[in-house]
Amino acid sequence: MKAVSAVILTDGLRPGEVAAVGLLMGAILLPLGMSGAIGRVARLIPQSVSAGLQLGLGILMAVLGVGL
């Protein structure tokens, strides 16, 4: 969720695109959460990938903040 928010902020998506992303994420995460598969999917992603994604998006947001 944080990654999607950061991408929305840094890429300047239009409102329709933001709504579409919200609907798609809901359609994907609802069945994963209800079935308990979200834990298995989360275990497949290495911690280094998650940390790298957070760092990269944090840098993008910092650059955006400096630009403002």
C-alpha atoms as a PDB file:
ATOM      1  CA  MET A   1       0.000   0.000   0.000  1.00  0.00           C
ATOM      2  CA  LYS A   2       2.833   2.397   0.841  1.00  0.00           C
ATOM      3  CA  ALA A   3       4.483   1.639  -2.477  1.00  0.00           C
ATOM      4  CA  VAL A   4       1.327   2.430  -4.431  1.00  0.00           C
ATOM      5  CA  SER A   5       0.885   5.681  -2.518  1.00  0.00           C
ATOM      6  CA  ALA A   6       4.461   6.719  -3.236  1.00  0.00           C
ATOM      7  CA  VAL A   7       4.112   5.952  -6.938  1.00  0.00           C
ATOM      8  CA  ILE A   8       0.878   7.947  -7.090  1.00  0.00           C
ATOM      9  CA  LEU A   9       2.576  10.923  -5.441  1.00  0.00           C
ATOM     10  CA  THR A  10       5.723  10.855  -7.545  1.00  0.00           C
ATOM     11  CA  ASP A  11       4.212  10.061 -10.945  1.00  0.00           C
ATOM     12  CA  GLY A  12       1.234  12.431 -10.730  1.00  0.00           C
ATOM     13  CA  LEU A  13      -1.452   9.992 -11.822  1.00  0.00           C
ATOM     14  CA  ARG A  14      -4.890  11.213 -12.821  1.00  0.00           C
ATOM     15  CA  PRO A  15      -7.882  10.556 -10.527  1.00  0.00           C
ATOM     16  CA  GLY A  16      -9.252   7.814 -12.798  1.00  0.00           C
ATOM     17  CA  GLU A  17      -5.948   5.980 -12.703  1.00  0.00           C
ATOM     18  CA  VAL A  18      -5.815   6.208  -8.915  1.00  0.00           C
ATOM     19  CA  ALA A  19      -9.356   4.802  -8.688  1.00  0.00           C
ATOM     20  CA  ALA A  20      -8.464   1.956 -11.059  1.00  0.00           C
ATOM     21  CA  VAL A  21      -5.415   1.057  -8.986  1.00  0.00           C
ATOM     22  CA  GLY A  22      -7.554   1.024  -5.832  1.00  0.00           C
ATOM     23  CA  LEU A  23     -10.116  -1.292  -7.399  1.00  0.00           C
ATOM     24  CA  LEU A  24      -7.459  -3.634  -8.782  1.00  0.00           C
ATOM     25  CA  MET A  25      -5.633  -3.822  -5.460  1.00  0.00           C
ATOM     26  CA  GLY A  26      -8.902  -4.551  -3.687  1.00  0.00           C
ATOM     27  CA  ALA A  27      -9.772  -7.268  -6.203  1.00  0.00           C
ATOM     28  CA  ILE A  28      -6.387  -8.903  -5.659  1.00  0.00           C
ATOM     29  CA  LEU A  29      -5.932  -8.444  -1.908  1.00  0.00           C
ATOM     30  CA  LEU A  30      -9.463  -9.379  -0.816  1.00  0.00           C
ATOM     31  CA  PRO A  31      -9.289 -13.016  -1.989  1.00  0.00           C
ATOM     32  CA  LEU A  32      -5.682 -13.332  -0.805  1.00  0.00           C
ATOM     33  CA  GLY A  33      -6.623 -12.058   2.639  1.00  0.00           C
ATOM     34  CA  MET A  34      -9.793 -14.119   2.957  1.00  0.00           C
ATOM     35  CA  SER A  35      -8.006 -17.333   1.994  1.00  0.00           C
ATOM     36  CA  GLY A  36      -4.941 -16.717   4.162  1.00  0.00           C
ATOM     37  CA  ALA A  37      -2.702 -16.898   1.120  1.00  0.00           C
ATOM     38  CA  ILE A  38      -1.374 -13.388   1.747  1.00  0.00           C
ATOM     39  CA  GLY A  39       1.039 -14.763   4.368  1.00  0.00           C
ATOM     40  CA  ARG A  40       2.433 -17.320   1.951  1.00  0.00           C
ATOM     41  CA  VAL A  41       2.849 -14.676  -0.753  1.00  0.00           C
ATOM     42  CA  ALA A  42       4.572 -12.329   1.715  1.00  0.00           C
ATOM     43  CA  ARG A  43       7.049 -15.061   2.669  1.00  0.00           C
ATOM     44  CA  LEU A  44       8.045 -15.477  -0.998  1.00  0.00           C
ATOM     45  CA  ILE A  45       9.322 -11.890  -1.232  1.00  0.00           C
ATOM     46  CA  PRO A  46      12.809 -11.511   0.259  1.00  0.00           C
ATOM     47  CA  GLN A  47      13.285  -8.832   2.921  1.00  0.00           C
ATOM     48  CA  SER A  48      16.018  -7.198   0.798  1.00  0.00           C
ATOM     49  CA  VAL A  49      13.556  -6.661  -2.067  1.00  0.00           C
ATOM     50  CA  SER A  50      11.042  -5.064   0.261  1.00  0.00           C
ATOM     51  CA  ALA A  51      13.702  -2.818   1.835  1.00  0.00           C
ATOM     52  CA  GLY A  52      15.038  -1.806  -1.586  1.00  0.00           C
ATOM     53  CA  LEU A  53      11.580  -0.890  -2.800  1.00  0.00           C
ATOM     54  CA  GLN A  54      10.958   1.216   0.297  1.00  0.00           C
ATOM     55  CA  LEU A  55      14.326   2.954  -0.051  1.00  0.00           C
ATOM     56  CA  GLY A  56      13.814   3.724  -3.730  1.00  0.00           C
ATOM     57  CA  LEU A  57      10.336   5.113  -3.190  1.00  0.00           C
ATOM     58  CA  GLY A  58      11.538   7.093  -0.184  1.00  0.00           C
ATOM     59  CA  ILE A  59      14.228   8.718  -2.320  1.00  0.00           C
ATOM     60  CA  LEU A  60      11.647   9.561  -5.001  1.00  0.00           C
ATOM     61  CA  MET A  61       9.417  11.181  -2.406  1.00  0.00           C
ATOM     62  CA  ALA A  62      12.371  13.126  -0.966  1.00  0.00           C
ATOM     63  CA  VAL A  63      13.256  14.437  -4.419  1.00  0.00           C
ATOM     64  CA  LEU A  64       9.619  15.429  -4.954  1.00  0.00           C
ATOM     65  CA  GLY A  65       9.580  17.174  -1.571  1.00  0.00           C
ATOM     66  CA  VAL A  66      12.746  19.140  -2.376  1.00  0.00           C
ATOM     67  CA  GLY A  67      11.209  20.156  -5.698  1.00  0.00           C
ATOM     68  CA  LEU A  68       8.141  21.528  -3.950  1.00  0.00           C
END
